[in-house]
Amino acid sequence: MLVPYMNSKEATHHLRKVDPRFNDLIKIYGPPKLQRTRNSFESLVQTIINQQLSGKAAASIYKRFLQLYPTSRFPTPNKVRQLSIAEIQSAGVSLQKATTIHELSDQYIQGHIRPHRFRHMSPDEITHILTKVKGIGDWTANIFLMFSLNHPDILPIGDLGIRKGIQKLCGLENLPDSKTMLQIAEPWRPFRTAASWYLWRLLETKPEITSIYDTD
């Protein structure tokens, strides 16, 4: 199996067709800005650092992490592993995240994670491999699949922003549970990654754009 990259033009055409509530968002923000990255290890480390942090705080810690390694390129798993957990913590990385980064490095070094195989693996298979690393859960795996591997059909149901986005899009009184989210998102297949991207944008949208919330 060769998993296709997301085609933004096809994604926006599909979402307009199956759910007109996306029309204004597509008009405002254009095609989803997602691009496959080359260095999977770098992407995973950055995603781990970003967990449960604001964008500004995460960027600051990530910058200090990079400064631990005097090189113009992102450090290899071997280079990362050469520093102790305490040394990684000195950049502002929490103990739990520093431990996860160490273990992730080990998985790459030992060949348990082989990024050249990702293109031929399903999202579930990739998630299964990544979540064997303590500290990497479904959310981290989903974000990696979306923003690093550009998988077209990922819906991170554990993400609070996605829950709020669906609530806002559909005019729901309460935050939806996982079952409700999956039911609502079913028509968005096979482009739930693009739909998710627009849901995050929806939370940034000014309230006067009211047609988005019309559920009729």
Protein backbone atom coordinates (compact mmCIF):
# COMPACT_ATOMS: atom_id res chain seq x y z
CA MET A 1 0.00 0.00 0.00
CA LEU A 2 1.26 3.46 -0.95
CA VAL A 3 -0.50 6.14 1.10
CA PRO A 4 -1.24 9.27 -0.98
CA TYR A 5 -0.35 12.77 0.14
CA MET A 6 -3.24 15.13 0.66
CA ASN A 7 -4.30 17.04 -2.42
CA SER A 8 -5.49 20.43 -1.15
CA LYS A 9 -7.51 21.21 -4.28
CA GLU A 10 -9.39 17.93 -4.10
CA ALA A 11 -9.87 18.37 -0.35
CA THR A 12 -11.45 21.82 -0.62
CA HIS A 13 -13.67 20.70 -3.51
CA HIS A 14 -14.89 17.72 -1.48
CA LEU A 15 -15.56 19.74 1.68
CA ARG A 16 -17.50 22.39 -0.24
CA LYS A 17 -19.63 19.65 -1.77
CA VAL A 18 -20.41 17.61 1.36
CA ASP A 19 -20.54 20.38 3.97
CA PRO A 20 -21.24 23.98 2.85
CA ARG A 21 -20.41 25.19 6.36
CA PHE A 22 -16.78 25.10 5.25
CA ASN A 23 -17.34 27.48 2.33
CA ASP A 24 -16.56 30.73 4.14
CA LEU A 25 -13.51 29.24 5.83
CA ILE A 26 -12.15 28.04 2.49
CA LYS A 27 -12.79 31.50 1.02
CA ILE A 28 -11.01 33.23 3.91
CA TYR A 29 -8.01 30.93 4.43
CA GLY A 30 -7.56 29.30 1.04
CA PRO A 31 -6.23 25.73 0.65
CA PRO A 32 -4.85 23.98 3.76
CA LYS A 33 -1.22 24.90 4.33
CA LEU A 34 0.24 21.46 4.95
CA GLN A 35 3.48 20.13 3.56
CA ARG A 36 5.31 16.86 4.13
CA THR A 37 8.54 17.24 6.12
CA ARG A 38 11.80 15.44 5.35
CA ASN A 39 13.09 14.77 8.85
CA SER A 40 10.61 12.66 10.80
CA PHE A 41 12.79 12.58 13.91
CA GLU A 42 12.97 16.37 14.03
CA SER A 43 9.20 16.63 13.58
CA LEU A 44 8.50 14.17 16.40
CA VAL A 45 10.89 15.88 18.82
CA GLN A 46 9.32 19.25 18.09
CA THR A 47 5.81 17.82 18.51
CA ILE A 48 6.81 16.29 21.86
CA ILE A 49 8.16 19.64 23.05
CA ASN A 50 4.97 21.37 21.86
CA GLN A 51 2.67 19.11 23.90
CA GLN A 52 0.32 21.13 26.16
CA LEU A 53 2.21 24.39 25.62
CA SER A 54 1.27 27.68 23.99
CA GLY A 55 2.94 28.41 20.67
CA LYS A 56 5.20 31.09 22.13
CA ALA A 57 6.38 28.98 25.08
CA ALA A 58 6.97 25.93 22.88
CA ALA A 59 8.97 27.96 20.34
CA SER A 60 11.18 29.37 23.09
CA ILE A 61 11.94 25.95 24.58
CA TYR A 62 12.52 24.43 21.14
CA LYS A 63 15.02 27.17 20.32
CA ARG A 64 16.92 26.54 23.56
CA PHE A 65 16.86 22.80 22.84
CA LEU A 66 18.51 23.39 19.46
CA GLN A 67 21.16 25.54 21.11
CA LEU A 68 22.31 22.48 23.06
CA TYR A 69 23.72 21.12 19.80
CA PRO A 70 26.37 23.24 18.01
CA THR A 71 25.39 22.32 14.47
CA SER A 72 23.45 23.96 11.66
CA ARG A 73 21.44 20.78 11.13
CA PHE A 74 18.98 19.16 13.47
CA PRO A 75 20.85 16.66 15.67
CA THR A 76 20.64 12.98 14.80
CA PRO A 77 19.17 10.47 17.28
CA ASN A 78 22.73 9.52 18.22
CA LYS A 79 23.66 13.14 18.94
CA VAL A 80 20.52 13.69 20.99
CA ARG A 81 21.18 10.52 22.98
CA GLN A 82 24.69 11.72 23.88
CA LEU A 83 23.22 14.38 26.17
CA SER A 84 21.77 13.32 29.50
CA ILE A 85 18.15 13.85 30.44
CA ALA A 86 19.27 16.56 32.87
CA GLU A 87 21.12 18.38 30.09
CA ILE A 88 18.03 18.31 27.88
CA GLN A 89 15.99 19.59 30.82
CA SER A 90 18.34 22.57 31.06
CA ALA A 91 16.67 23.92 27.90
CA GLY A 92 13.34 24.08 29.74
CA VAL A 93 12.11 20.67 28.61
CA SER A 94 10.18 18.84 31.32
CA LEU A 95 11.52 15.63 32.84
CA GLN A 96 8.77 13.58 31.18
CA LYS A 97 9.39 15.09 27.74
CA ALA A 98 13.17 14.79 28.04
CA THR A 99 12.72 11.11 28.92
CA THR A 100 10.40 10.65 25.93
CA ILE A 101 12.93 12.30 23.60
CA HIS A 102 15.63 9.94 24.93
CA GLU A 103 13.42 6.90 24.37
CA LEU A 104 12.42 8.10 20.90
CA SER A 105 16.10 8.45 20.02
CA ASP A 106 16.70 4.87 21.18
CA GLN A 107 13.85 3.62 18.98
CA TYR A 108 15.43 5.26 15.93
CA ILE A 109 18.94 4.07 16.80
CA GLN A 110 17.77 0.49 17.35
CA GLY A 111 15.79 0.47 14.11
CA HIS A 112 12.38 0.00 15.69
CA ILE A 113 11.23 3.21 13.97
CA ARG A 114 12.16 3.24 10.29
CA PRO A 115 10.87 6.43 8.65
CA HIS A 116 11.45 5.19 5.09
CA ARG A 117 8.63 2.70 5.70
CA PHE A 118 6.05 5.30 6.76
CA ARG A 119 4.99 5.95 3.17
CA HIS A 120 3.83 2.34 2.91
CA MET A 121 2.11 2.13 6.30
CA SER A 122 -1.42 2.97 7.37
CA PRO A 123 -2.04 5.66 10.00
CA ASP A 124 -3.00 2.95 12.50
CA GLU A 125 0.27 1.10 11.90
CA ILE A 126 2.32 4.27 12.35
CA THR A 127 0.37 5.21 15.47
CA HIS A 128 0.94 1.74 16.91
CA ILE A 129 4.71 2.04 16.45
CA LEU A 130 4.98 5.59 17.79
CA THR A 131 2.79 5.07 20.84
CA LYS A 132 5.09 2.31 22.03
CA VAL A 133 7.34 5.20 23.12
CA LYS A 134 6.29 6.26 26.60
CA GLY A 135 5.08 9.84 26.41
CA ILE A 136 3.81 9.63 22.84
CA GLY A 137 0.05 9.21 22.70
CA ASP A 138 -2.61 9.37 20.02
CA TRP A 139 -2.55 13.19 19.91
CA THR A 140 1.18 13.36 19.14
CA ALA A 141 0.85 10.61 16.55
CA ASN A 142 -2.10 12.38 14.90
CA ILE A 143 -0.29 15.72 14.72
CA PHE A 144 2.74 13.97 13.23
CA LEU A 145 0.58 12.18 10.66
CA MET A 146 -1.09 15.43 9.66
CA PHE A 147 1.71 17.97 9.64
CA SER A 148 4.74 15.80 8.93
CA LEU A 149 3.49 12.95 6.76
CA ASN A 150 0.59 14.87 5.19
CA HIS A 151 -1.86 12.00 5.58
CA PRO A 152 -5.17 13.10 4.07
CA ASP A 153 -7.68 11.55 6.47
CA ILE A 154 -6.73 12.24 10.10
CA LEU A 155 -9.20 13.52 12.70
CA PRO A 156 -7.52 14.13 16.09
CA ILE A 157 -10.59 13.57 18.26
CA GLY A 158 -8.54 14.03 21.44
CA ASP A 159 -7.63 17.60 20.52
CA LEU A 160 -9.59 20.24 22.44
CA GLY A 161 -9.38 22.68 19.54
CA ILE A 162 -11.01 20.15 17.20
CA ARG A 163 -13.79 19.51 19.72
CA LYS A 164 -14.39 23.27 20.07
CA GLY A 165 -14.22 23.69 16.32
CA ILE A 166 -16.89 21.06 15.71
CA GLN A 167 -19.03 22.57 18.47
CA LYS A 168 -18.77 25.98 16.81
CA LEU A 169 -19.23 24.70 13.25
CA CYS A 170 -22.39 22.80 14.17
CA GLY A 171 -23.78 25.24 16.74
CA LEU A 172 -23.78 22.63 19.51
CA GLU A 173 -24.59 23.60 23.09
CA ASN A 174 -21.92 21.34 24.58
CA LEU A 175 -18.56 19.98 23.50
CA PRO A 176 -19.16 16.82 21.44
CA ASP A 177 -17.93 13.43 22.61
CA SER A 178 -15.79 11.18 20.42
CA LYS A 179 -18.75 9.25 18.98
CA THR A 180 -20.55 12.44 17.98
CA MET A 181 -17.39 13.87 16.43
CA LEU A 182 -16.86 10.77 14.31
CA GLN A 183 -20.48 10.82 13.15
CA ILE A 184 -20.32 14.49 12.18
CA ALA A 185 -16.98 14.03 10.42
CA GLU A 186 -17.96 10.93 8.45
CA PRO A 187 -18.95 12.89 5.29
CA TRP A 188 -15.58 14.67 5.37
CA ARG A 189 -13.75 11.43 4.53
CA PRO A 190 -11.26 11.01 2.93
CA PHE A 191 -10.14 14.56 3.71
CA ARG A 192 -10.61 14.88 7.47
CA THR A 193 -7.10 16.32 7.77
CA ALA A 194 -8.16 19.34 5.72
CA ALA A 195 -11.41 19.58 7.70
CA SER A 196 -9.40 19.56 10.94
CA TRP A 197 -7.16 22.34 9.64
CA TYR A 198 -10.22 24.48 8.94
CA LEU A 199 -11.70 23.71 12.35
CA TRP A 200 -8.59 25.16 13.98
CA ARG A 201 -8.91 28.20 11.72
CA LEU A 202 -12.58 28.52 12.68
CA LEU A 203 -11.57 29.22 16.27
CA GLU A 204 -9.62 32.24 14.97
CA THR A 205 -12.51 33.53 12.83
CA LYS A 206 -14.35 36.72 13.78
CA PRO A 207 -17.90 36.11 15.03
CA GLU A 208 -19.54 38.36 12.43
CA ILE A 209 -19.03 35.62 9.82
CA THR A 210 -22.32 34.02 10.79
CA SER A 211 -23.12 31.87 7.76
CA ILE A 212 -20.59 29.29 8.99
CA TYR A 213 -22.81 28.45 11.93
CA ASP A 214 -26.02 27.88 9.94
CA THR A 215 -26.77 24.19 10.42
CA ASP A 216 -29.92 24.09 8.24
